[in-house]
Amino acid sequence: MNSRVFKLFLELQNLKSRDEGQDLVEYGLIVLLISLAAVVGMQTLASALGSAFMNIGTGVKNVL
């Protein structure tokens, strides 16, 4: 039992010292930030477009 725990401990230490996955995590964070910015931007754009079309519709209704 002790040898299994020791082997697991050594494997975890080995994984901790390696940095191959670090780039993947960084790219994931960049993608997350870009997607959050896109969602916020789309919500703002949708709101602006909605009010613009509402103004156009009101203007057309007033003319007719």
C-alpha atoms as a PDB file:
ATOM      1  CA  MET A   1       0.000   0.000   0.000  1.00  0.00           C
ATOM      2  CA  ASN A   2       2.792   2.420   0.883  1.00  0.00           C
ATOM      3  CA  SER A   3       4.549   1.791  -2.410  1.00  0.00           C
ATOM      4  CA  ARG A   4       1.385   2.713  -4.348  1.00  0.00           C
ATOM      5  CA  VAL A   5       1.004   5.954  -2.413  1.00  0.00           C
ATOM      6  CA  PHE A   6       4.677   6.724  -2.932  1.00  0.00           C
ATOM      7  CA  LYS A   7       4.412   6.023  -6.671  1.00  0.00           C
ATOM      8  CA  LEU A   8       1.334   8.243  -6.881  1.00  0.00           C
ATOM      9  CA  PHE A   9       3.192  10.982  -5.006  1.00  0.00           C
ATOM     10  CA  LEU A  10       6.163  10.713  -7.376  1.00  0.00           C
ATOM     11  CA  GLU A  11       3.876  10.813 -10.411  1.00  0.00           C
ATOM     12  CA  LEU A  12       2.116  13.927  -9.100  1.00  0.00           C
ATOM     13  CA  GLN A  13       5.464  15.605  -8.473  1.00  0.00           C
ATOM     14  CA  ASN A  14       6.528  14.696 -12.006  1.00  0.00           C
ATOM     15  CA  LEU A  15       3.324  16.172 -13.459  1.00  0.00           C
ATOM     16  CA  LYS A  16       3.774  19.300 -11.355  1.00  0.00           C
ATOM     17  CA  SER A  17       7.286  19.892 -12.689  1.00  0.00           C
ATOM     18  CA  ARG A  18       6.303  19.475 -16.354  1.00  0.00           C
ATOM     19  CA  ASP A  19       4.904  22.452 -18.234  1.00  0.00           C
ATOM     20  CA  GLU A  20       3.645  21.001 -21.537  1.00  0.00           C
ATOM     21  CA  GLY A  21       0.014  21.668 -20.612  1.00  0.00           C
ATOM     22  CA  GLN A  22       0.686  25.266 -19.640  1.00  0.00           C
ATOM     23  CA  ASP A  23       0.388  26.508 -23.238  1.00  0.00           C
ATOM     24  CA  LEU A  24      -2.955  24.763 -23.633  1.00  0.00           C
ATOM     25  CA  VAL A  25      -4.282  26.427 -20.489  1.00  0.00           C
ATOM     26  CA  GLU A  26      -3.091  29.838 -21.696  1.00  0.00           C
ATOM     27  CA  TYR A  27      -4.771  29.360 -25.071  1.00  0.00           C
ATOM     28  CA  GLY A  28      -7.932  28.259 -23.310  1.00  0.00           C
ATOM     29  CA  LEU A  29      -7.929  31.422 -21.196  1.00  0.00           C
ATOM     30  CA  ILE A  30      -7.418  33.577 -24.284  1.00  0.00           C
ATOM     31  CA  VAL A  31     -10.328  31.862 -26.044  1.00  0.00           C
ATOM     32  CA  LEU A  32     -12.464  32.356 -22.927  1.00  0.00           C
ATOM     33  CA  LEU A  33     -11.688  36.085 -22.789  1.00  0.00           C
ATOM     34  CA  ILE A  34     -12.379  36.535 -26.500  1.00  0.00           C
ATOM     35  CA  SER A  35     -15.688  34.681 -26.239  1.00  0.00           C
ATOM     36  CA  LEU A  36     -16.769  36.726 -23.215  1.00  0.00           C
ATOM     37  CA  ALA A  37     -15.924  39.945 -25.053  1.00  0.00           C
ATOM     38  CA  ALA A  38     -17.874  38.733 -28.079  1.00  0.00           C
ATOM     39  CA  VAL A  39     -20.940  37.906 -25.968  1.00  0.00           C
ATOM     40  CA  VAL A  40     -20.881  41.305 -24.260  1.00  0.00           C
ATOM     41  CA  GLY A  41     -20.316  43.043 -27.587  1.00  0.00           C
ATOM     42  CA  MET A  42     -23.160  41.174 -29.245  1.00  0.00           C
ATOM     43  CA  GLN A  43     -25.547  42.047 -26.426  1.00  0.00           C
ATOM     44  CA  THR A  44     -24.652  45.726 -26.749  1.00  0.00           C
ATOM     45  CA  LEU A  45     -24.955  45.582 -30.531  1.00  0.00           C
ATOM     46  CA  ALA A  46     -28.310  43.799 -30.340  1.00  0.00           C
ATOM     47  CA  SER A  47     -29.645  46.442 -27.973  1.00  0.00           C
ATOM     48  CA  ALA A  48     -28.451  49.275 -30.207  1.00  0.00           C
ATOM     49  CA  LEU A  49     -29.893  47.634 -33.325  1.00  0.00           C
ATOM     50  CA  GLY A  50     -33.206  47.002 -31.577  1.00  0.00           C
ATOM     51  CA  SER A  51     -33.577  50.633 -30.596  1.00  0.00           C
ATOM     52  CA  ALA A  52     -32.511  51.803 -34.078  1.00  0.00           C
ATOM     53  CA  PHE A  53     -35.163  49.654 -35.755  1.00  0.00           C
ATOM     54  CA  MET A  54     -37.716  50.799 -33.184  1.00  0.00           C
ATOM     55  CA  ASN A  55     -36.940  54.422 -34.093  1.00  0.00           C
ATOM     56  CA  ILE A  56     -37.211  53.634 -37.800  1.00  0.00           C
ATOM     57  CA  GLY A  57     -40.537  51.886 -37.254  1.00  0.00           C
ATOM     58  CA  THR A  58     -41.860  54.829 -35.240  1.00  0.00           C
ATOM     59  CA  GLY A  59     -40.722  57.255 -37.925  1.00  0.00           C
ATOM     60  CA  VAL A  60     -42.378  55.258 -40.701  1.00  0.00           C
ATOM     61  CA  LYS A  61     -45.582  54.957 -38.655  1.00  0.00           C
ATOM     62  CA  ASN A  62     -45.670  58.715 -38.066  1.00  0.00           C
ATOM     63  CA  VAL A  63     -45.194  59.451 -41.774  1.00  0.00           C
ATOM     64  CA  LEU A  64     -48.021  57.162 -42.800  1.00  0.00           C
END
